Structures are given as C-alpha cells and as structure tokens.
PDB file of N, CA and C in Angstrom:
ATOM      1  N   MET A   1      23.630 -10.796   2.527  1.00  0.00           N
ATOM      2  CA  MET A   1      22.469 -10.924   1.694  1.00  0.00           C
ATOM      3  C   MET A   1      21.337 -10.013   2.181  1.00  0.00           C
ATOM      4  N   ASP A   2      21.148  -9.937   3.489  1.00  0.00           N
ATOM      5  CA  ASP A   2      20.098  -9.076   4.042  1.00  0.00           C
ATOM      6  C   ASP A   2      20.301  -7.619   3.628  1.00  0.00           C
ATOM      7  N   ASP A   3      21.558  -7.156   3.627  1.00  0.00           N
ATOM      8  CA  ASP A   3      21.844  -5.776   3.223  1.00  0.00           C
ATOM      9  C   ASP A   3      21.464  -5.540   1.765  1.00  0.00           C
ATOM     10  N   TYR A   4      21.760  -6.507   0.911  1.00  0.00           N
ATOM     11  CA  TYR A   4      21.423  -6.367  -0.505  1.00  0.00           C
ATOM     12  C   TYR A   4      19.908  -6.327  -0.710  1.00  0.00           C
ATOM     13  N   ILE A   5      19.193  -7.184  -0.017  1.00  0.00           N
ATOM     14  CA  ILE A   5      17.730  -7.211  -0.139  1.00  0.00           C
ATOM     15  C   ILE A   5      17.137  -5.877   0.309  1.00  0.00           C
ATOM     16  N   GLU A   6      17.654  -5.342   1.406  1.00  0.00           N
ATOM     17  CA  GLU A   6      17.173  -4.045   1.876  1.00  0.00           C
ATOM     18  C   GLU A   6      17.478  -2.958   0.847  1.00  0.00           C
ATOM     19  N   TYR A   7      18.693  -2.948   0.302  1.00  0.00           N
ATOM     20  CA  TYR A   7      19.066  -1.984  -0.736  1.00  0.00           C
ATOM     21  C   TYR A   7      18.147  -2.126  -1.950  1.00  0.00           C
ATOM     22  N   TYR A   8      17.923  -3.348  -2.395  1.00  0.00           N
ATOM     23  CA  TYR A   8      17.112  -3.617  -3.577  1.00  0.00           C
ATOM     24  C   TYR A   8      15.694  -3.087  -3.402  1.00  0.00           C
ATOM     25  N   ASN A   9      15.134  -3.253  -2.224  1.00  0.00           N
ATOM     26  CA  ASN A   9      13.742  -2.869  -1.983  1.00  0.00           C
ATOM     27  C   ASN A   9      13.547  -1.414  -1.577  1.00  0.00           C
ATOM     28  N   THR A  10      14.553  -0.795  -0.968  1.00  0.00           N
ATOM     29  CA  THR A  10      14.345   0.543  -0.416  1.00  0.00           C
ATOM     30  C   THR A  10      15.127   1.652  -1.103  1.00  0.00           C
ATOM     31  N   ASP A  11      16.228   1.342  -1.790  1.00  0.00           N
ATOM     32  CA  ASP A  11      17.069   2.390  -2.373  1.00  0.00           C
ATOM     33  C   ASP A  11      17.202   2.314  -3.887  1.00  0.00           C
ATOM     34  N   ARG A  12      17.216   1.134  -4.430  1.00  0.00           N
ATOM     35  CA  ARG A  12      17.478   0.920  -5.843  1.00  0.00           C
ATOM     36  C   ARG A  12      16.259   1.277  -6.688  1.00  0.00           C
ATOM     37  N   LEU A  13      16.473   2.058  -7.730  1.00  0.00           N
ATOM     38  CA  LEU A  13      15.400   2.363  -8.666  1.00  0.00           C
ATOM     39  C   LEU A  13      15.191   1.181  -9.590  1.00  0.00           C
ATOM     40  N   HIS A  14      13.969   0.993 -10.032  1.00  0.00           N
ATOM     41  CA  HIS A  14      13.657  -0.129 -10.912  1.00  0.00           C
ATOM     42  C   HIS A  14      12.973   0.411 -12.154  1.00  0.00           C
ATOM     43  N   TRP A  15      13.457   0.028 -13.323  1.00  0.00           N
ATOM     44  CA  TRP A  15      12.960   0.573 -14.587  1.00  0.00           C
ATOM     45  C   TRP A  15      11.491   0.263 -14.839  1.00  0.00           C
ATOM     46  N   ALA A  16      10.956  -0.773 -14.255  1.00  0.00           N
ATOM     47  CA  ALA A  16       9.549  -1.122 -14.462  1.00  0.00           C
ATOM     48  C   ALA A  16       8.614  -0.260 -13.613  1.00  0.00           C
ATOM     49  N   LEU A  17       9.180   0.528 -12.717  1.00  0.00           N
ATOM     50  CA  LEU A  17       8.371   1.366 -11.836  1.00  0.00           C
ATOM     51  C   LEU A  17       8.413   2.812 -12.319  1.00  0.00           C
ATOM     52  N   ASP A  18       7.942   3.726 -11.523  1.00  0.00           N
ATOM     53  CA  ASP A  18       7.884   5.145 -11.890  1.00  0.00           C
ATOM     54  C   ASP A  18       9.263   5.772 -11.725  1.00  0.00           C
ATOM     55  N   ILE A  19      10.088   5.614 -12.736  1.00  0.00           N
ATOM     56  CA  ILE A  19      11.475   6.073 -12.672  1.00  0.00           C
ATOM     57  C   ILE A  19      11.560   7.601 -12.582  1.00  0.00           C
ATOM     58  N   ASP A  20      10.592   8.318 -13.170  1.00  0.00           N
ATOM     59  CA  ASP A  20      10.608   9.786 -13.133  1.00  0.00           C
ATOM     60  C   ASP A  20      10.472  10.326 -11.718  1.00  0.00           C
ATOM     61  N   ASN A  21       9.817   9.570 -10.860  1.00  0.00           N
ATOM     62  CA  ASN A  21       9.641   9.982  -9.464  1.00  0.00           C
ATOM     63  C   ASN A  21      10.492   9.163  -8.503  1.00  0.00           C
ATOM     64  N   TYR A  22      11.507   8.498  -9.046  1.00  0.00           N
ATOM     65  CA  TYR A  22      12.454   7.715  -8.239  1.00  0.00           C
ATOM     66  C   TYR A  22      11.757   6.703  -7.335  1.00  0.00           C
ATOM     67  N   GLU A  23      10.803   5.962  -7.914  1.00  0.00           N
ATOM     68  CA  GLU A  23      10.039   4.986  -7.144  1.00  0.00           C
ATOM     69  C   GLU A  23      10.847   3.701  -6.948  1.00  0.00           C
ATOM     70  N   THR A  24      10.970   3.292  -5.705  1.00  0.00           N
ATOM     71  CA  THR A  24      11.643   2.031  -5.370  1.00  0.00           C
ATOM     72  C   THR A  24      10.585   0.932  -5.252  1.00  0.00           C
ATOM     73  N   PRO A  25      10.994  -0.332  -5.233  1.00  0.00           N
ATOM     74  CA  PRO A  25      10.015  -1.407  -5.066  1.00  0.00           C
ATOM     75  C   PRO A  25       9.170  -1.251  -3.804  1.00  0.00           C
ATOM     76  N   LEU A  26       9.755  -0.824  -2.713  1.00  0.00           N
ATOM     77  CA  LEU A  26       8.995  -0.641  -1.475  1.00  0.00           C
ATOM     78  C   LEU A  26       7.957   0.463  -1.632  1.00  0.00           C
ATOM     79  N   MET A  27       8.326   1.560  -2.273  1.00  0.00           N
ATOM     80  CA  MET A  27       7.377   2.646  -2.500  1.00  0.00           C
ATOM     81  C   MET A  27       6.226   2.167  -3.377  1.00  0.00           C
ATOM     82  N   ALA A  28       6.524   1.406  -4.416  1.00  0.00           N
ATOM     83  CA  ALA A  28       5.483   0.897  -5.309  1.00  0.00           C
ATOM     84  C   ALA A  28       4.534  -0.016  -4.548  1.00  0.00           C
ATOM     85  N   PHE A  29       5.084  -0.873  -3.712  1.00  0.00           N
ATOM     86  CA  PHE A  29       4.258  -1.782  -2.919  1.00  0.00           C
ATOM     87  C   PHE A  29       3.315  -0.994  -2.021  1.00  0.00           C
ATOM     88  N   ARG A  30       3.851  -0.017  -1.328  1.00  0.00           N
ATOM     89  CA  ARG A  30       3.022   0.774  -0.407  1.00  0.00           C
ATOM     90  C   ARG A  30       1.972   1.577  -1.156  1.00  0.00           C
ATOM     91  N   ASN A  31       2.319   2.106  -2.313  1.00  0.00           N
ATOM     92  CA  ASN A  31       1.370   2.905  -3.090  1.00  0.00           C
ATOM     93  C   ASN A  31       0.255   2.061  -3.684  1.00  0.00           C
ATOM     94  N   LYS A  32       0.520   0.800  -3.934  1.00  0.00           N
ATOM     95  CA  LYS A  32      -0.456  -0.053  -4.600  1.00  0.00           C
ATOM     96  C   LYS A  32      -1.150  -1.030  -3.662  1.00  0.00           C
ATOM     97  N   ALA A  33      -0.768  -1.040  -2.407  1.00  0.00           N
ATOM     98  CA  ALA A  33      -1.365  -1.965  -1.446  1.00  0.00           C
ATOM     99  C   ALA A  33      -2.840  -1.642  -1.241  1.00  0.00           C
ATOM    100  N   ALA A  34      -3.638  -2.667  -1.158  1.00  0.00           N
ATOM    101  CA  ALA A  34      -5.075  -2.486  -0.952  1.00  0.00           C
ATOM    102  C   ALA A  34      -5.340  -2.031   0.477  1.00  0.00           C
ATOM    103  N   THR A  35      -6.288  -1.130   0.606  1.00  0.00           N
ATOM    104  CA  THR A  35      -6.682  -0.669   1.928  1.00  0.00           C
ATOM    105  C   THR A  35      -7.570  -1.720   2.601  1.00  0.00           C
ATOM    106  N   ASP A  36      -7.760  -1.591   3.878  1.00  0.00           N
ATOM    107  CA  ASP A  36      -8.641  -2.515   4.606  1.00  0.00           C
ATOM    108  C   ASP A  36     -10.059  -2.447   4.056  1.00  0.00           C
ATOM    109  N   ASP A  37     -10.502  -1.259   3.654  1.00  0.00           N
ATOM    110  CA  ASP A  37     -11.846  -1.088   3.107  1.00  0.00           C
ATOM    111  C   ASP A  37     -11.998  -1.894   1.811  1.00  0.00           C
ATOM    112  N   ILE A  38     -11.020  -1.805   0.934  1.00  0.00           N
ATOM    113  CA  ILE A  38     -11.064  -2.561  -0.325  1.00  0.00           C
ATOM    114  C   ILE A  38     -11.023  -4.057  -0.039  1.00  0.00           C
ATOM    115  N   ARG A  39     -10.175  -4.466   0.878  1.00  0.00           N
ATOM    116  CA  ARG A  39     -10.074  -5.884   1.222  1.00  0.00           C
ATOM    117  C   ARG A  39     -11.394  -6.418   1.774  1.00  0.00           C
ATOM    118  N   SER A  40     -12.089  -5.622   2.572  1.00  0.00           N
ATOM    119  CA  SER A  40     -13.337  -6.098   3.160  1.00  0.00           C
ATOM    120  C   SER A  40     -14.420  -6.297   2.098  1.00  0.00           C
ATOM    121  N   GLN A  41     -14.280  -5.643   0.959  1.00  0.00           N
ATOM    122  CA  GLN A  41     -15.237  -5.789  -0.128  1.00  0.00           C
ATOM    123  C   GLN A  41     -14.902  -6.975  -1.034  1.00  0.00           C
ATOM    124  N   ASN A  42     -13.774  -7.604  -0.793  1.00  0.00           N
ATOM    125  CA  ASN A  42     -13.329  -8.739  -1.611  1.00  0.00           C
ATOM    126  C   ASN A  42     -13.012  -9.916  -0.694  1.00  0.00           C
ATOM    127  N   PRO A  43     -14.002 -10.743  -0.362  1.00  0.00           N
ATOM    128  CA  PRO A  43     -13.831 -11.836   0.595  1.00  0.00           C
ATOM    129  C   PRO A  43     -12.665 -12.774   0.278  1.00  0.00           C
ATOM    130  N   LYS A  44     -12.383 -12.998  -0.997  1.00  0.00           N
ATOM    131  CA  LYS A  44     -11.275 -13.896  -1.343  1.00  0.00           C
ATOM    132  C   LYS A  44      -9.948 -13.337  -0.854  1.00  0.00           C
ATOM    133  N   TRP A  45      -9.786 -12.011  -0.883  1.00  0.00           N
ATOM    134  CA  TRP A  45      -8.562 -11.406  -0.381  1.00  0.00           C
ATOM    135  C   TRP A  45      -8.459 -11.594   1.123  1.00  0.00           C
ATOM    136  N   MET A  46      -9.583 -11.449   1.814  1.00  0.00           N
ATOM    137  CA  MET A  46      -9.575 -11.630   3.258  1.00  0.00           C
ATOM    138  C   MET A  46      -9.215 -13.064   3.618  1.00  0.00           C
ATOM    139  N   GLU A  47      -9.761 -14.044   2.866  1.00  0.00           N
ATOM    140  CA  GLU A  47      -9.420 -15.452   3.091  1.00  0.00           C
ATOM    141  C   GLU A  47      -7.932 -15.676   2.899  1.00  0.00           C
ATOM    142  N   ALA A  48      -7.356 -15.083   1.862  1.00  0.00           N
ATOM    143  CA  ALA A  48      -5.936 -15.256   1.597  1.00  0.00           C
ATOM    144  C   ALA A  48      -5.096 -14.688   2.743  1.00  0.00           C
ATOM    145  N   ASP A  49      -5.525 -13.554   3.306  1.00  0.00           N
ATOM    146  CA  ASP A  49      -4.814 -12.972   4.440  1.00  0.00           C
ATOM    147  C   ASP A  49      -4.869 -13.886   5.653  1.00  0.00           C
ATOM    148  N   ILE A  50      -6.024 -14.472   5.894  1.00  0.00           N
ATOM    149  CA  ILE A  50      -6.213 -15.318   7.073  1.00  0.00           C
ATOM    150  C   ILE A  50      -5.499 -16.658   6.893  1.00  0.00           C
ATOM    151  N   ASN A  51      -5.613 -17.250   5.715  1.00  0.00           N
ATOM    152  CA  ASN A  51      -5.061 -18.582   5.475  1.00  0.00           C
ATOM    153  C   ASN A  51      -3.618 -18.570   5.008  1.00  0.00           C
ATOM    154  N   GLY A  52      -3.086 -17.408   4.757  1.00  0.00           N
ATOM    155  CA  GLY A  52      -1.693 -17.299   4.331  1.00  0.00           C
ATOM    156  C   GLY A  52      -1.554 -17.611   2.936  1.00  0.00           C
TER     157      GLY A  52
END
C-alpha cells in the first residue's frame, strides 16, 4: 500500500491538475502551499498549524 500511495502522489498524473505540464499531486501541493509569510498574515492558519 505504501508503494501505491507514493506512486499516486509522486508519479501519477491527475486530470484535475496541470496535465500539460505533467503535474503530480505532490507537485501541485508544493506549488500551492502557503509560505510562512502568508501564514503569518492569517492567524487562523497559524492556529491550525499549532493545534493540528
């Protein structure tokens, strides 16, 4: 199962993502992740990070 999850997130293309640029779920996550600067401007996000 671990191998499949890794394949799904790192190698498999997903039609809902940028298929023209061969974007995988992991690439999409990294490209869309908020920076620390953005997070510091949104206290609710910081609370969610701290409180899980």
